[in-house]
Amino acid sequence: MHNPFSIYWNKNWTFQIVHMEGGIYIEAKGLGVLIRKPLLATESPFTAADNLVHSEDKNRKFLFNSWKSKRTKSSNWF
């Protein structure tokens, strides 16, 4: 495995393992954001990267659906 690495099912993201602040972190760059979380001793880098992007994707979908529902509610007033 080389650093940075990618996962074939997450083509829009690149991942990197970084050592900072006395810990090991997995860092993901893609879609205009940079997200980072600690890499646990029990996790493989591929699993940690997949979970990191999955949680970001869920958060983005939640925010989009929240914005979309507010928009349709406000358009009913007119």
N, C-alpha and C. Protein backbone atom coordinates (compact mmCIF):
# COMPACT_ATOMS: atom_id res chain seq x y z
N MET A 1 0.84 -1.17 0.00
CA MET A 1 0.00 0.00 0.00
C MET A 1 0.89 1.24 0.00
N HIS A 2 0.59 2.16 -0.86
CA HIS A 2 1.37 3.40 -0.91
C HIS A 2 0.56 4.53 -0.29
N ASN A 3 1.21 5.59 0.05
CA ASN A 3 0.58 6.73 0.70
C ASN A 3 0.74 7.93 -0.21
N PRO A 4 -0.25 8.59 -0.73
CA PRO A 4 -1.69 8.38 -0.54
C PRO A 4 -2.20 7.19 -1.35
N PHE A 5 -3.33 6.66 -0.92
CA PHE A 5 -3.91 5.52 -1.60
C PHE A 5 -5.36 5.82 -1.96
N SER A 6 -5.96 4.97 -2.75
CA SER A 6 -7.36 5.16 -3.13
C SER A 6 -8.06 3.81 -3.04
N ILE A 7 -9.38 3.88 -3.00
CA ILE A 7 -10.21 2.69 -2.96
C ILE A 7 -11.05 2.71 -4.23
N TYR A 8 -11.10 1.60 -4.94
CA TYR A 8 -11.71 1.61 -6.27
C TYR A 8 -13.19 1.99 -6.24
N TRP A 9 -13.92 1.75 -5.15
CA TRP A 9 -15.34 2.12 -5.13
C TRP A 9 -15.55 3.55 -4.65
N ASN A 10 -14.49 4.23 -4.22
CA ASN A 10 -14.57 5.65 -3.86
C ASN A 10 -13.60 6.42 -4.75
N LYS A 11 -13.91 6.51 -6.02
CA LYS A 11 -12.97 7.09 -6.98
C LYS A 11 -12.77 8.59 -6.80
N ASN A 12 -13.71 9.28 -6.19
CA ASN A 12 -13.59 10.73 -6.03
C ASN A 12 -12.75 11.13 -4.81
N TRP A 13 -12.27 10.16 -4.06
CA TRP A 13 -11.54 10.43 -2.84
C TRP A 13 -10.12 9.86 -2.91
N THR A 14 -9.18 10.56 -2.27
CA THR A 14 -7.85 10.00 -2.04
C THR A 14 -7.63 9.98 -0.53
N PHE A 15 -6.88 9.01 -0.08
CA PHE A 15 -6.68 8.81 1.35
C PHE A 15 -5.20 8.83 1.66
N GLN A 16 -4.93 9.22 2.89
CA GLN A 16 -3.54 9.30 3.32
C GLN A 16 -3.49 8.98 4.81
N ILE A 17 -2.49 8.28 5.22
CA ILE A 17 -2.25 8.02 6.64
C ILE A 17 -1.23 9.03 7.11
N VAL A 18 -1.58 9.79 8.14
CA VAL A 18 -0.69 10.86 8.62
C VAL A 18 -0.42 10.67 10.11
N HIS A 19 0.76 11.09 10.51
CA HIS A 19 1.15 11.08 11.92
C HIS A 19 1.21 12.53 12.37
N MET A 20 0.32 12.88 13.29
CA MET A 20 0.31 14.25 13.80
C MET A 20 -0.27 14.28 15.20
N GLU A 21 0.16 15.22 15.99
CA GLU A 21 -0.32 15.42 17.35
C GLU A 21 -0.22 14.14 18.17
N GLY A 22 0.81 13.36 17.94
CA GLY A 22 1.03 12.16 18.72
C GLY A 22 0.14 10.99 18.38
N GLY A 23 -0.55 11.04 17.26
CA GLY A 23 -1.43 9.95 16.87
C GLY A 23 -1.36 9.66 15.39
N ILE A 24 -1.97 8.57 14.99
CA ILE A 24 -2.06 8.18 13.59
C ILE A 24 -3.48 8.47 13.12
N TYR A 25 -3.61 9.17 12.01
CA TYR A 25 -4.91 9.56 11.49
C TYR A 25 -5.07 9.08 10.05
N ILE A 26 -6.31 8.85 9.67
CA ILE A 26 -6.64 8.60 8.27
C ILE A 26 -7.24 9.91 7.75
N GLU A 27 -6.79 10.36 6.62
CA GLU A 27 -7.20 11.64 6.06
C GLU A 27 -7.78 11.39 4.67
N ALA A 28 -8.93 11.96 4.40
CA ALA A 28 -9.59 11.80 3.10
C ALA A 28 -9.74 13.16 2.45
N LYS A 29 -9.41 13.24 1.17
CA LYS A 29 -9.57 14.45 0.39
C LYS A 29 -10.43 14.13 -0.81
N GLY A 30 -11.44 14.94 -1.02
CA GLY A 30 -12.30 14.74 -2.17
C GLY A 30 -13.55 15.59 -2.09
N LEU A 31 -14.13 15.87 -3.24
CA LEU A 31 -15.36 16.65 -3.34
C LEU A 31 -15.26 17.99 -2.62
N GLY A 32 -14.07 18.56 -2.61
CA GLY A 32 -13.87 19.89 -2.03
C GLY A 32 -13.72 19.92 -0.52
N VAL A 33 -13.57 18.78 0.13
CA VAL A 33 -13.40 18.75 1.58
C VAL A 33 -12.21 17.90 1.96
N LEU A 34 -11.75 18.13 3.17
CA LEU A 34 -10.70 17.33 3.78
C LEU A 34 -11.24 16.88 5.13
N ILE A 35 -11.33 15.57 5.36
CA ILE A 35 -11.81 15.06 6.64
C ILE A 35 -10.77 14.12 7.21
N ARG A 36 -10.75 14.05 8.53
CA ARG A 36 -9.71 13.29 9.21
C ARG A 36 -10.32 12.66 10.46
N LYS A 37 -9.86 11.45 10.78
CA LYS A 37 -10.26 10.80 12.03
C LYS A 37 -9.11 9.91 12.49
N PRO A 38 -9.06 9.65 13.79
CA PRO A 38 -7.99 8.77 14.29
C PRO A 38 -8.12 7.36 13.71
N LEU A 39 -7.01 6.77 13.40
CA LEU A 39 -6.96 5.39 12.93
C LEU A 39 -6.79 4.50 14.16
N LEU A 40 -7.80 3.68 14.41
CA LEU A 40 -7.76 2.80 15.58
C LEU A 40 -6.86 1.61 15.31
N ALA A 41 -6.32 1.05 16.37
CA ALA A 41 -5.42 -0.09 16.24
C ALA A 41 -6.13 -1.32 15.69
N THR A 42 -7.44 -1.40 15.88
CA THR A 42 -8.19 -2.57 15.42
C THR A 42 -8.69 -2.43 13.98
N GLU A 43 -8.52 -1.26 13.37
CA GLU A 43 -9.02 -1.01 12.02
C GLU A 43 -7.93 -1.19 10.98
N SER A 44 -8.33 -1.67 9.83
CA SER A 44 -7.41 -1.64 8.69
C SER A 44 -7.56 -0.26 8.03
N PRO A 45 -6.55 0.22 7.35
CA PRO A 45 -6.66 1.52 6.69
C PRO A 45 -7.80 1.57 5.66
N PHE A 46 -8.04 0.46 4.97
CA PHE A 46 -9.11 0.45 3.97
C PHE A 46 -10.49 0.53 4.63
N THR A 47 -10.68 -0.18 5.73
CA THR A 47 -11.95 -0.12 6.44
C THR A 47 -12.17 1.27 7.03
N ALA A 48 -11.14 1.84 7.63
CA ALA A 48 -11.26 3.17 8.20
C ALA A 48 -11.57 4.21 7.13
N ALA A 49 -10.94 4.10 5.98
CA ALA A 49 -11.20 5.04 4.88
C ALA A 49 -12.63 4.90 4.38
N ASP A 50 -13.08 3.68 4.23
CA ASP A 50 -14.45 3.44 3.77
C ASP A 50 -15.46 3.99 4.76
N ASN A 51 -15.26 3.75 6.06
CA ASN A 51 -16.17 4.27 7.08
C ASN A 51 -16.16 5.79 7.13
N LEU A 52 -15.02 6.38 6.94
CA LEU A 52 -14.90 7.84 6.96
C LEU A 52 -15.71 8.47 5.83
N VAL A 53 -15.57 7.94 4.64
CA VAL A 53 -16.30 8.48 3.49
C VAL A 53 -17.79 8.16 3.60
N HIS A 54 -18.12 6.99 4.11
CA HIS A 54 -19.53 6.62 4.27
C HIS A 54 -20.23 7.57 5.24
N SER A 55 -19.60 7.90 6.37
CA SER A 55 -20.23 8.83 7.31
C SER A 55 -20.34 10.23 6.72
N GLU A 56 -19.36 10.66 5.95
CA GLU A 56 -19.44 11.97 5.28
C GLU A 56 -20.56 11.98 4.25
N ASP A 57 -20.73 10.89 3.51
CA ASP A 57 -21.79 10.79 2.52
C ASP A 57 -23.16 10.84 3.19
N LYS A 58 -23.32 10.12 4.30
CA LYS A 58 -24.58 10.15 5.03
C LYS A 58 -24.88 11.56 5.53
N ASN A 59 -23.87 12.25 6.03
CA ASN A 59 -24.06 13.62 6.52
C ASN A 59 -24.47 14.56 5.39
N ARG A 60 -23.83 14.45 4.24
CA ARG A 60 -24.18 15.29 3.09
C ARG A 60 -25.60 15.02 2.61
N LYS A 61 -26.02 13.76 2.56
CA LYS A 61 -27.37 13.43 2.14
C LYS A 61 -28.40 13.96 3.13
N PHE A 62 -28.10 13.85 4.43
CA PHE A 62 -29.01 14.38 5.44
C PHE A 62 -29.17 15.89 5.29
N LEU A 63 -28.05 16.60 5.13
CA LEU A 63 -28.11 18.06 4.97
C LEU A 63 -28.87 18.45 3.70
N PHE A 64 -28.63 17.74 2.60
CA PHE A 64 -29.33 18.04 1.36
C PHE A 64 -30.82 17.80 1.50
N ASN A 65 -31.20 16.67 2.09
CA ASN A 65 -32.62 16.38 2.26
C ASN A 65 -33.29 17.35 3.21
N SER A 66 -32.58 17.80 4.23
CA SER A 66 -33.11 18.81 5.15
C SER A 66 -33.34 20.12 4.41
N TRP A 67 -32.37 20.54 3.59
CA TRP A 67 -32.51 21.76 2.82
C TRP A 67 -33.65 21.64 1.83
N LYS A 68 -33.77 20.48 1.19
CA LYS A 68 -34.80 20.25 0.19
C LYS A 68 -36.19 20.28 0.82
N SER A 69 -36.34 19.68 2.01
CA SER A 69 -37.66 19.68 2.65
C SER A 69 -38.04 21.07 3.13
N LYS A 70 -37.09 21.88 3.59
CA LYS A 70 -37.38 23.26 3.99
C LYS A 70 -37.78 24.09 2.78
N ARG A 71 -37.14 23.81 1.66
CA ARG A 71 -37.45 24.56 0.44
C ARG A 71 -38.85 24.26 -0.05
N THR A 72 -39.28 23.00 -0.02
CA THR A 72 -40.62 22.65 -0.49
C THR A 72 -41.67 23.15 0.49
N LYS A 73 -41.38 23.18 1.80
CA LYS A 73 -42.33 23.70 2.78
C LYS A 73 -42.52 25.21 2.58
N SER A 74 -41.44 25.93 2.34
CA SER A 74 -41.54 27.37 2.16
C SER A 74 -42.20 27.73 0.85
N SER A 75 -42.07 26.89 -0.17
CA SER A 75 -42.72 27.20 -1.45
C SER A 75 -44.21 26.97 -1.39
N ASN A 76 -44.71 26.22 -0.40
CA ASN A 76 -46.14 26.02 -0.24
C ASN A 76 -46.85 27.26 0.28
N TRP A 77 -46.12 28.21 0.80
CA TRP A 77 -46.71 29.42 1.34
C TRP A 77 -47.16 30.36 0.23
N PHE A 78 -46.66 30.20 -0.96
CA PHE A 78 -46.99 31.13 -2.05
C PHE A 78 -48.11 30.62 -2.89
